[in-house]
Amino acid sequence: MTMSEDRAEAIALAALGWIAAEPERAGAFLGASGAAPDELRQRAGDPMFLGFVLDFLLQDDGGVQDFAAQMPCHPEEVLRARAALPGGDLPNWT
């Protein structure tokens, strides 16, 4: 089942807020993204950046589980949201 880009962006924005709420996770995200804290609001409107937010979240299964429980959504929705955003249509090599 595909997801609308609007729903995917909403999930990514919620993930960005969830990441920003924990200093250690936020620091790791800022380091990985190269973004400064004051840039986050501006970049939050960029679907490519939101895709990176979900890429970052998807690196940690436990983080996906925790985020999904707080959202609330099913953890697989995070993966579907990533696929709906630019850059999420990676080729299937199998």
PDB file of N, CA and C in Angstrom:
ATOM      1  N   MET A   1       0.843  -1.167   0.000  1.00  0.00           N
ATOM      2  CA  MET A   1       0.000   0.000   0.000  1.00  0.00           C
ATOM      3  C   MET A   1       0.894   1.237   0.000  1.00  0.00           C
ATOM      4  N   THR A   2       0.615   2.172  -0.911  1.00  0.00           N
ATOM      5  CA  THR A   2       1.409   3.392  -0.982  1.00  0.00           C
ATOM      6  C   THR A   2       0.857   4.438  -0.020  1.00  0.00           C
ATOM      7  N   MET A   3       1.683   5.390   0.300  1.00  0.00           N
ATOM      8  CA  MET A   3       1.330   6.455   1.226  1.00  0.00           C
ATOM      9  C   MET A   3       1.408   7.772   0.485  1.00  0.00           C
ATOM     10  N   SER A   4       0.519   8.695   0.821  1.00  0.00           N
ATOM     11  CA  SER A   4       0.574  10.020   0.206  1.00  0.00           C
ATOM     12  C   SER A   4       1.804  10.768   0.714  1.00  0.00           C
ATOM     13  N   GLU A   5       2.291  11.674  -0.119  1.00  0.00           N
ATOM     14  CA  GLU A   5       3.447  12.468   0.297  1.00  0.00           C
ATOM     15  C   GLU A   5       3.092  13.342   1.503  1.00  0.00           C
ATOM     16  N   ASP A   6       1.852  13.830   1.578  1.00  0.00           N
ATOM     17  CA  ASP A   6       1.444  14.642   2.728  1.00  0.00           C
ATOM     18  C   ASP A   6       1.537  13.843   4.027  1.00  0.00           C
ATOM     19  N   ARG A   7       1.047  12.612   4.013  1.00  0.00           N
ATOM     20  CA  ARG A   7       1.112  11.754   5.209  1.00  0.00           C
ATOM     21  C   ARG A   7       2.574  11.439   5.539  1.00  0.00           C
ATOM     22  N   ALA A   8       3.375  11.170   4.519  1.00  0.00           N
ATOM     23  CA  ALA A   8       4.793  10.874   4.733  1.00  0.00           C
ATOM     24  C   ALA A   8       5.497  12.072   5.359  1.00  0.00           C
ATOM     25  N   GLU A   9       5.203  13.268   4.869  1.00  0.00           N
ATOM     26  CA  GLU A   9       5.812  14.473   5.438  1.00  0.00           C
ATOM     27  C   GLU A   9       5.376  14.673   6.878  1.00  0.00           C
ATOM     28  N   ALA A  10       4.114  14.380   7.190  1.00  0.00           N
ATOM     29  CA  ALA A  10       3.632  14.518   8.565  1.00  0.00           C
ATOM     30  C   ALA A  10       4.377  13.560   9.491  1.00  0.00           C
ATOM     31  N   ILE A  11       4.585  12.344   9.050  1.00  0.00           N
ATOM     32  CA  ILE A  11       5.332  11.374   9.861  1.00  0.00           C
ATOM     33  C   ILE A  11       6.781  11.843  10.035  1.00  0.00           C
ATOM     34  N   ALA A  12       7.389  12.328   8.960  1.00  0.00           N
ATOM     35  CA  ALA A  12       8.774  12.800   9.043  1.00  0.00           C
ATOM     36  C   ALA A  12       8.898  14.009   9.960  1.00  0.00           C
ATOM     37  N   LEU A  13       7.948  14.921   9.906  1.00  0.00           N
ATOM     38  CA  LEU A  13       7.981  16.079  10.808  1.00  0.00           C
ATOM     39  C   LEU A  13       7.833  15.642  12.263  1.00  0.00           C
ATOM     40  N   ALA A  14       6.948  14.676  12.503  1.00  0.00           N
ATOM     41  CA  ALA A  14       6.803  14.141  13.861  1.00  0.00           C
ATOM     42  C   ALA A  14       8.102  13.474  14.300  1.00  0.00           C
ATOM     43  N   ALA A  15       8.759  12.764  13.375  1.00  0.00           N
ATOM     44  CA  ALA A  15      10.039  12.122  13.698  1.00  0.00           C
ATOM     45  C   ALA A  15      11.101  13.162  14.020  1.00  0.00           C
ATOM     46  N   LEU A  16      11.110  14.251  13.275  1.00  0.00           N
ATOM     47  CA  LEU A  16      12.074  15.318  13.547  1.00  0.00           C
ATOM     48  C   LEU A  16      11.865  15.881  14.949  1.00  0.00           C
ATOM     49  N   GLY A  17      10.624  16.100  15.320  1.00  0.00           N
ATOM     50  CA  GLY A  17      10.323  16.572  16.678  1.00  0.00           C
ATOM     51  C   GLY A  17      10.736  15.566  17.734  1.00  0.00           C
ATOM     52  N   TRP A  18      10.505  14.299  17.455  1.00  0.00           N
ATOM     53  CA  TRP A  18      10.866  13.236  18.391  1.00  0.00           C
ATOM     54  C   TRP A  18      12.383  13.170  18.556  1.00  0.00           C
ATOM     55  N   ILE A  19      13.102  13.280  17.454  1.00  0.00           N
ATOM     56  CA  ILE A  19      14.567  13.272  17.495  1.00  0.00           C
ATOM     57  C   ILE A  19      15.080  14.483  18.268  1.00  0.00           C
ATOM     58  N   ALA A  20      14.511  15.651  17.993  1.00  0.00           N
ATOM     59  CA  ALA A  20      14.967  16.893  18.631  1.00  0.00           C
ATOM     60  C   ALA A  20      14.691  16.918  20.132  1.00  0.00           C
ATOM     61  N   ALA A  21      13.733  16.132  20.595  1.00  0.00           N
ATOM     62  CA  ALA A  21      13.353  16.148  22.010  1.00  0.00           C
ATOM     63  C   ALA A  21      14.372  15.457  22.912  1.00  0.00           C
ATOM     64  N   GLU A  22      15.267  14.668  22.349  1.00  0.00           N
ATOM     65  CA  GLU A  22      16.270  13.973  23.148  1.00  0.00           C
ATOM     66  C   GLU A  22      17.660  14.491  22.772  1.00  0.00           C
ATOM     67  N   PRO A  23      18.338  15.168  23.686  1.00  0.00           N
ATOM     68  CA  PRO A  23      19.611  15.808  23.346  1.00  0.00           C
ATOM     69  C   PRO A  23      20.650  14.901  22.697  1.00  0.00           C
ATOM     70  N   GLU A  24      20.811  13.693  23.173  1.00  0.00           N
ATOM     71  CA  GLU A  24      21.828  12.805  22.595  1.00  0.00           C
ATOM     72  C   GLU A  24      21.467  12.431  21.154  1.00  0.00           C
ATOM     73  N   ARG A  25      20.214  12.082  20.943  1.00  0.00           N
ATOM     74  CA  ARG A  25      19.766  11.721  19.600  1.00  0.00           C
ATOM     75  C   ARG A  25      19.819  12.940  18.682  1.00  0.00           C
ATOM     76  N   ALA A  26      19.429  14.106  19.205  1.00  0.00           N
ATOM     77  CA  ALA A  26      19.453  15.342  18.413  1.00  0.00           C
ATOM     78  C   ALA A  26      20.882  15.684  18.004  1.00  0.00           C
ATOM     79  N   GLY A  27      21.826  15.514  18.920  1.00  0.00           N
ATOM     80  CA  GLY A  27      23.225  15.788  18.590  1.00  0.00           C
ATOM     81  C   GLY A  27      23.734  14.871  17.496  1.00  0.00           C
ATOM     82  N   ALA A  28      23.368  13.601  17.572  1.00  0.00           N
ATOM     83  CA  ALA A  28      23.783  12.652  16.538  1.00  0.00           C
ATOM     84  C   ALA A  28      23.157  13.018  15.195  1.00  0.00           C
ATOM     85  N   PHE A  29      21.903  13.434  15.230  1.00  0.00           N
ATOM     86  CA  PHE A  29      21.226  13.824  13.996  1.00  0.00           C
ATOM     87  C   PHE A  29      21.883  15.059  13.381  1.00  0.00           C
ATOM     88  N   LEU A  30      22.160  16.050  14.202  1.00  0.00           N
ATOM     89  CA  LEU A  30      22.795  17.270  13.682  1.00  0.00           C
ATOM     90  C   LEU A  30      24.166  16.954  13.091  1.00  0.00           C
ATOM     91  N   GLY A  31      24.905  16.082  13.746  1.00  0.00           N
ATOM     92  CA  GLY A  31      26.207  15.695  13.222  1.00  0.00           C
ATOM     93  C   GLY A  31      26.096  14.966  11.897  1.00  0.00           C
ATOM     94  N   ALA A  32      25.117  14.087  11.790  1.00  0.00           N
ATOM     95  CA  ALA A  32      24.940  13.314  10.554  1.00  0.00           C
ATOM     96  C   ALA A  32      24.408  14.167   9.409  1.00  0.00           C
ATOM     97  N   SER A  33      23.547  15.119   9.741  1.00  0.00           N
ATOM     98  CA  SER A  33      22.916  15.929   8.697  1.00  0.00           C
ATOM     99  C   SER A  33      23.765  17.123   8.275  1.00  0.00           C
ATOM    100  N   GLY A  34      24.638  17.568   9.172  1.00  0.00           N
ATOM    101  CA  GLY A  34      25.409  18.767   8.892  1.00  0.00           C
ATOM    102  C   GLY A  34      24.611  20.040   9.099  1.00  0.00           C
ATOM    103  N   ALA A  35      23.395  19.908   9.586  1.00  0.00           N
ATOM    104  CA  ALA A  35      22.536  21.071   9.822  1.00  0.00           C
ATOM    105  C   ALA A  35      22.847  21.688  11.183  1.00  0.00           C
ATOM    106  N   ALA A  36      22.700  22.994  11.260  1.00  0.00           N
ATOM    107  CA  ALA A  36      22.813  23.700  12.534  1.00  0.00           C
ATOM    108  C   ALA A  36      21.428  23.710  13.175  1.00  0.00           C
ATOM    109  N   PRO A  37      21.355  23.771  14.508  1.00  0.00           N
ATOM    110  CA  PRO A  37      20.045  23.756  15.166  1.00  0.00           C
ATOM    111  C   PRO A  37      19.082  24.823  14.628  1.00  0.00           C
ATOM    112  N   ASP A  38      19.595  26.003  14.315  1.00  0.00           N
ATOM    113  CA  ASP A  38      18.707  27.067  13.844  1.00  0.00           C
ATOM    114  C   ASP A  38      18.243  26.861  12.401  1.00  0.00           C
ATOM    115  N   GLU A  39      18.784  25.887  11.706  1.00  0.00           N
ATOM    116  CA  GLU A  39      18.364  25.577  10.336  1.00  0.00           C
ATOM    117  C   GLU A  39      17.200  24.603  10.270  1.00  0.00           C
ATOM    118  N   LEU A  40      16.927  23.899  11.348  1.00  0.00           N
ATOM    119  CA  LEU A  40      15.952  22.812  11.302  1.00  0.00           C
ATOM    120  C   LEU A  40      14.568  23.273  10.863  1.00  0.00           C
ATOM    121  N   ARG A  41      14.103  24.385  11.387  1.00  0.00           N
ATOM    122  CA  ARG A  41      12.764  24.868  10.987  1.00  0.00           C
ATOM    123  C   ARG A  41      12.698  25.161   9.500  1.00  0.00           C
ATOM    124  N   GLN A  42      13.730  25.810   8.996  1.00  0.00           N
ATOM    125  CA  GLN A  42      13.772  26.158   7.581  1.00  0.00           C
ATOM    126  C   GLN A  42      13.815  24.900   6.715  1.00  0.00           C
ATOM    127  N   ARG A  43      14.627  23.953   7.084  1.00  0.00           N
ATOM    128  CA  ARG A  43      14.800  22.750   6.275  1.00  0.00           C
ATOM    129  C   ARG A  43      13.660  21.758   6.441  1.00  0.00           C
ATOM    130  N   ALA A  44      12.841  21.933   7.481  1.00  0.00           N
ATOM    131  CA  ALA A  44      11.726  21.021   7.722  1.00  0.00           C
ATOM    132  C   ALA A  44      10.684  21.066   6.609  1.00  0.00           C
ATOM    133  N   GLY A  45      10.706  22.091   5.783  1.00  0.00           N
ATOM    134  CA  GLY A  45       9.784  22.168   4.665  1.00  0.00           C
ATOM    135  C   GLY A  45      10.300  21.517   3.399  1.00  0.00           C
ATOM    136  N   ASP A  46      11.505  20.973   3.441  1.00  0.00           N
ATOM    137  CA  ASP A  46      12.135  20.364   2.273  1.00  0.00           C
ATOM    138  C   ASP A  46      11.912  18.845   2.300  1.00  0.00           C
ATOM    139  N   PRO A  47      11.164  18.306   1.341  1.00  0.00           N
ATOM    140  CA  PRO A  47      10.907  16.862   1.338  1.00  0.00           C
ATOM    141  C   PRO A  47      12.177  16.005   1.299  1.00  0.00           C
ATOM    142  N   MET A  48      13.230  16.492   0.646  1.00  0.00           N
ATOM    143  CA  MET A  48      14.493  15.738   0.634  1.00  0.00           C
ATOM    144  C   MET A  48      15.080  15.648   2.049  1.00  0.00           C
ATOM    145  N   PHE A  49      15.037  16.753   2.778  1.00  0.00           N
ATOM    146  CA  PHE A  49      15.538  16.762   4.145  1.00  0.00           C
ATOM    147  C   PHE A  49      14.687  15.846   5.019  1.00  0.00           C
ATOM    148  N   LEU A  50      13.375  15.871   4.822  1.00  0.00           N
ATOM    149  CA  LEU A  50      12.495  15.004   5.596  1.00  0.00           C
ATOM    150  C   LEU A  50      12.792  13.538   5.306  1.00  0.00           C
ATOM    151  N   GLY A  51      13.164  13.245   4.064  1.00  0.00           N
ATOM    152  CA  GLY A  51      13.586  11.886   3.751  1.00  0.00           C
ATOM    153  C   GLY A  51      14.827  11.500   4.541  1.00  0.00           C
ATOM    154  N   PHE A  52      15.765  12.448   4.686  1.00  0.00           N
ATOM    155  CA  PHE A  52      16.957  12.180   5.483  1.00  0.00           C
ATOM    156  C   PHE A  52      16.594  11.938   6.941  1.00  0.00           C
ATOM    157  N   VAL A  53      15.607  12.691   7.450  1.00  0.00           N
ATOM    158  CA  VAL A  53      15.148  12.484   8.832  1.00  0.00           C
ATOM    159  C   VAL A  53      14.724  11.028   9.013  1.00  0.00           C
ATOM    160  N   LEU A  54      13.941  10.517   8.067  1.00  0.00           N
ATOM    161  CA  LEU A  54      13.486   9.131   8.182  1.00  0.00           C
ATOM    162  C   LEU A  54      14.626   8.145   7.951  1.00  0.00           C
ATOM    163  N   ASP A  55      15.557   8.472   7.065  1.00  0.00           N
ATOM    164  CA  ASP A  55      16.741   7.621   6.902  1.00  0.00           C
ATOM    165  C   ASP A  55      17.480   7.486   8.226  1.00  0.00           C
ATOM    166  N   PHE A  56      17.643   8.605   8.903  1.00  0.00           N
ATOM    167  CA  PHE A  56      18.332   8.608  10.199  1.00  0.00           C
ATOM    168  C   PHE A  56      17.579   7.743  11.200  1.00  0.00           C
ATOM    169  N   LEU A  57      16.283   7.930  11.280  1.00  0.00           N
ATOM    170  CA  LEU A  57      15.468   7.161  12.224  1.00  0.00           C
ATOM    171  C   LEU A  57      15.528   5.668  11.902  1.00  0.00           C
ATOM    172  N   LEU A  58      15.471   5.330  10.639  1.00  0.00           N
ATOM    173  CA  LEU A  58      15.439   3.920  10.231  1.00  0.00           C
ATOM    174  C   LEU A  58      16.750   3.179  10.474  1.00  0.00           C
ATOM    175  N   GLN A  59      17.789   3.877  10.862  1.00  0.00           N
ATOM    176  CA  GLN A  59      19.063   3.231  11.188  1.00  0.00           C
ATOM    177  C   GLN A  59      19.011   2.468  12.506  1.00  0.00           C
ATOM    178  N   ASP A  60      17.988   2.733  13.312  1.00  0.00           N
ATOM    179  CA  ASP A  60      17.900   2.147  14.653  1.00  0.00           C
ATOM    180  C   ASP A  60      16.514   1.517  14.836  1.00  0.00           C
ATOM    181  N   ASP A  61      16.452   0.190  14.802  1.00  0.00           N
ATOM    182  CA  ASP A  61      15.166  -0.493  14.937  1.00  0.00           C
ATOM    183  C   ASP A  61      14.461  -0.130  16.241  1.00  0.00           C
ATOM    184  N   GLY A  62      15.227  -0.035  17.320  1.00  0.00           N
ATOM    185  CA  GLY A  62      14.639   0.329  18.606  1.00  0.00           C
ATOM    186  C   GLY A  62      14.053   1.730  18.577  1.00  0.00           C
ATOM    187  N   GLY A  63      14.752   2.639  17.898  1.00  0.00           N
ATOM    188  CA  GLY A  63      14.248   3.995  17.760  1.00  0.00           C
ATOM    189  C   GLY A  63      12.953   4.043  16.959  1.00  0.00           C
ATOM    190  N   VAL A  64      12.889   3.239  15.896  1.00  0.00           N
ATOM    191  CA  VAL A  64      11.660   3.171  15.094  1.00  0.00           C
ATOM    192  C   VAL A  64      10.516   2.658  15.958  1.00  0.00           C
ATOM    193  N   GLN A  65      10.778   1.630  16.736  1.00  0.00           N
ATOM    194  CA  GLN A  65       9.746   1.068  17.617  1.00  0.00           C
ATOM    195  C   GLN A  65       9.269   2.107  18.636  1.00  0.00           C
ATOM    196  N   ASP A  66      10.214   2.799  19.264  1.00  0.00           N
ATOM    197  CA  ASP A  66       9.864   3.820  20.257  1.00  0.00           C
ATOM    198  C   ASP A  66       9.083   4.960  19.630  1.00  0.00           C
ATOM    199  N   PHE A  67       9.551   5.433  18.477  1.00  0.00           N
ATOM    200  CA  PHE A  67       8.853   6.518  17.787  1.00  0.00           C
ATOM    201  C   PHE A  67       7.441   6.094  17.411  1.00  0.00           C
ATOM    202  N   ALA A  68       7.304   4.921  16.822  1.00  0.00           N
ATOM    203  CA  ALA A  68       5.988   4.449  16.379  1.00  0.00           C
ATOM    204  C   ALA A  68       5.024   4.310  17.555  1.00  0.00           C
ATOM    205  N   ALA A  69       5.527   3.865  18.685  1.00  0.00           N
ATOM    206  CA  ALA A  69       4.670   3.733  19.866  1.00  0.00           C
ATOM    207  C   ALA A  69       4.177   5.090  20.358  1.00  0.00           C
ATOM    208  N   GLN A  70       5.005   6.114  20.235  1.00  0.00           N
ATOM    209  CA  GLN A  70       4.617   7.451  20.693  1.00  0.00           C
ATOM    210  C   GLN A  70       3.794   8.203  19.661  1.00  0.00           C
ATOM    211  N   MET A  71       3.901   7.831  18.401  1.00  0.00           N
ATOM    212  CA  MET A  71       3.261   8.581  17.317  1.00  0.00           C
ATOM    213  C   MET A  71       1.743   8.627  17.450  1.00  0.00           C
ATOM    214  N   PRO A  72       0.913   7.684  17.583  1.00  0.00           N
ATOM    215  CA  PRO A  72       1.113   6.260  17.370  1.00  0.00           C
ATOM    216  C   PRO A  72       0.909   5.890  15.900  1.00  0.00           C
ATOM    217  N   CYS A  73       1.718   4.961  15.464  1.00  0.00           N
ATOM    218  CA  CYS A  73       1.584   4.397  14.127  1.00  0.00           C
ATOM    219  C   CYS A  73       2.264   3.039  14.151  1.00  0.00           C
ATOM    220  N   HIS A  74       2.106   2.297  13.098  1.00  0.00           N
ATOM    221  CA  HIS A  74       2.782   1.013  12.992  1.00  0.00           C
ATOM    222  C   HIS A  74       4.200   1.283  12.514  1.00  0.00           C
ATOM    223  N   PRO A  75       5.197   0.585  13.040  1.00  0.00           N
ATOM    224  CA  PRO A  75       6.578   0.815  12.609  1.00  0.00           C
ATOM    225  C   PRO A  75       6.768   0.734  11.093  1.00  0.00           C
ATOM    226  N   GLU A  76       6.021  -0.122  10.428  1.00  0.00           N
ATOM    227  CA  GLU A  76       6.153  -0.239   8.973  1.00  0.00           C
ATOM    228  C   GLU A  76       5.727   1.043   8.253  1.00  0.00           C
ATOM    229  N   GLU A  77       4.910   1.863   8.912  1.00  0.00           N
ATOM    230  CA  GLU A  77       4.508   3.134   8.300  1.00  0.00           C
ATOM    231  C   GLU A  77       5.702   4.061   8.120  1.00  0.00           C
ATOM    232  N   VAL A  78       6.673   3.955   9.004  1.00  0.00           N
ATOM    233  CA  VAL A  78       7.877   4.781   8.882  1.00  0.00           C
ATOM    234  C   VAL A  78       8.605   4.420   7.587  1.00  0.00           C
ATOM    235  N   LEU A  79       8.719   3.146   7.311  1.00  0.00           N
ATOM    236  CA  LEU A  79       9.370   2.698   6.077  1.00  0.00           C
ATOM    237  C   LEU A  79       8.548   3.107   4.851  1.00  0.00           C
ATOM    238  N   ARG A  80       7.239   2.981   4.923  1.00  0.00           N
ATOM    239  CA  ARG A  80       6.392   3.400   3.800  1.00  0.00           C
ATOM    240  C   ARG A  80       6.478   4.905   3.595  1.00  0.00           C
ATOM    241  N   ALA A  81       6.579   5.658   4.699  1.00  0.00           N
ATOM    242  CA  ALA A  81       6.721   7.114   4.587  1.00  0.00           C
ATOM    243  C   ALA A  81       8.023   7.450   3.886  1.00  0.00           C
ATOM    244  N   ARG A  82       9.089   6.743   4.228  1.00  0.00           N
ATOM    245  CA  ARG A  82      10.370   7.009   3.574  1.00  0.00           C
ATOM    246  C   ARG A  82      10.281   6.740   2.078  1.00  0.00           C
ATOM    247  N   ALA A  83       9.596   5.679   1.703  1.00  0.00           N
ATOM    248  CA  ALA A  83       9.458   5.332   0.290  1.00  0.00           C
ATOM    249  C   ALA A  83       8.645   6.382  -0.469  1.00  0.00           C
ATOM    250  N   ALA A  84       7.769   7.107   0.227  1.00  0.00           N
ATOM    251  CA  ALA A  84       6.910   8.099  -0.421  1.00  0.00           C
ATOM    252  C   ALA A  84       7.597   9.444  -0.624  1.00  0.00           C
ATOM    253  N   LEU A  85       8.732   9.648   0.023  1.00  0.00           N
ATOM    254  CA  LEU A  85       9.453  10.917  -0.085  1.00  0.00           C
ATOM    255  C   LEU A  85      10.561  10.807  -1.135  1.00  0.00           C
ATOM    256  N   PRO A  86      11.025  11.941  -1.655  1.00  0.00           N
ATOM    257  CA  PRO A  86      12.092  11.906  -2.666  1.00  0.00           C
ATOM    258  C   PRO A  86      13.313  11.137  -2.176  1.00  0.00           C
ATOM    259  N   GLY A  87      13.842  10.303  -3.053  1.00  0.00           N
ATOM    260  CA  GLY A  87      15.004   9.497  -2.721  1.00  0.00           C
ATOM    261  C   GLY A  87      14.667   8.187  -2.062  1.00  0.00           C
ATOM    262  N   GLY A  88      13.405   7.951  -1.788  1.00  0.00           N
ATOM    263  CA  GLY A  88      13.004   6.724  -1.109  1.00  0.00           C
ATOM    264  C   GLY A  88      12.702   5.573  -2.034  1.00  0.00           C
ATOM    265  N   ASP A  89      12.774   5.814  -3.311  1.00  0.00           N
ATOM    266  CA  ASP A  89      12.464   4.766  -4.287  1.00  0.00           C
ATOM    267  C   ASP A  89      13.724   4.058  -4.739  1.00  0.00           C
ATOM    268  N   LEU A  90      14.425   3.496  -3.782  1.00  0.00           N
ATOM    269  CA  LEU A  90      15.667   2.792  -4.088  1.00  0.00           C
ATOM    270  C   LEU A  90      15.357   1.517  -4.852  1.00  0.00           C
ATOM    271  N   PRO A  91      16.235   1.114  -5.741  1.00  0.00           N
ATOM    272  CA  PRO A  91      15.987  -0.099  -6.515  1.00  0.00           C
ATOM    273  C   PRO A  91      16.030  -1.334  -5.633  1.00  0.00           C
ATOM    274  N   ASN A  92      15.238  -2.313  -5.997  1.00  0.00           N
ATOM    275  CA  ASN A  92      15.241  -3.598  -5.303  1.00  0.00           C
ATOM    276  C   ASN A  92      16.226  -4.500  -6.037  1.00  0.00           C
ATOM    277  N   TRP A  93      17.316  -4.874  -5.387  1.00  0.00           N
ATOM    278  CA  TRP A  93      18.378  -5.632  -6.032  1.00  0.00           C
ATOM    279  C   TRP A  93      18.159  -7.130  -5.952  1.00  0.00           C
ATOM    280  N   THR A  94      17.100  -7.582  -5.309  1.00  0.00           N
ATOM    281  CA  THR A  94      16.885  -9.028  -5.198  1.00  0.00           C
ATOM    282  C   THR A  94      15.939  -9.524  -6.254  1.00  0.00           C
TER     283      THR A  94
END
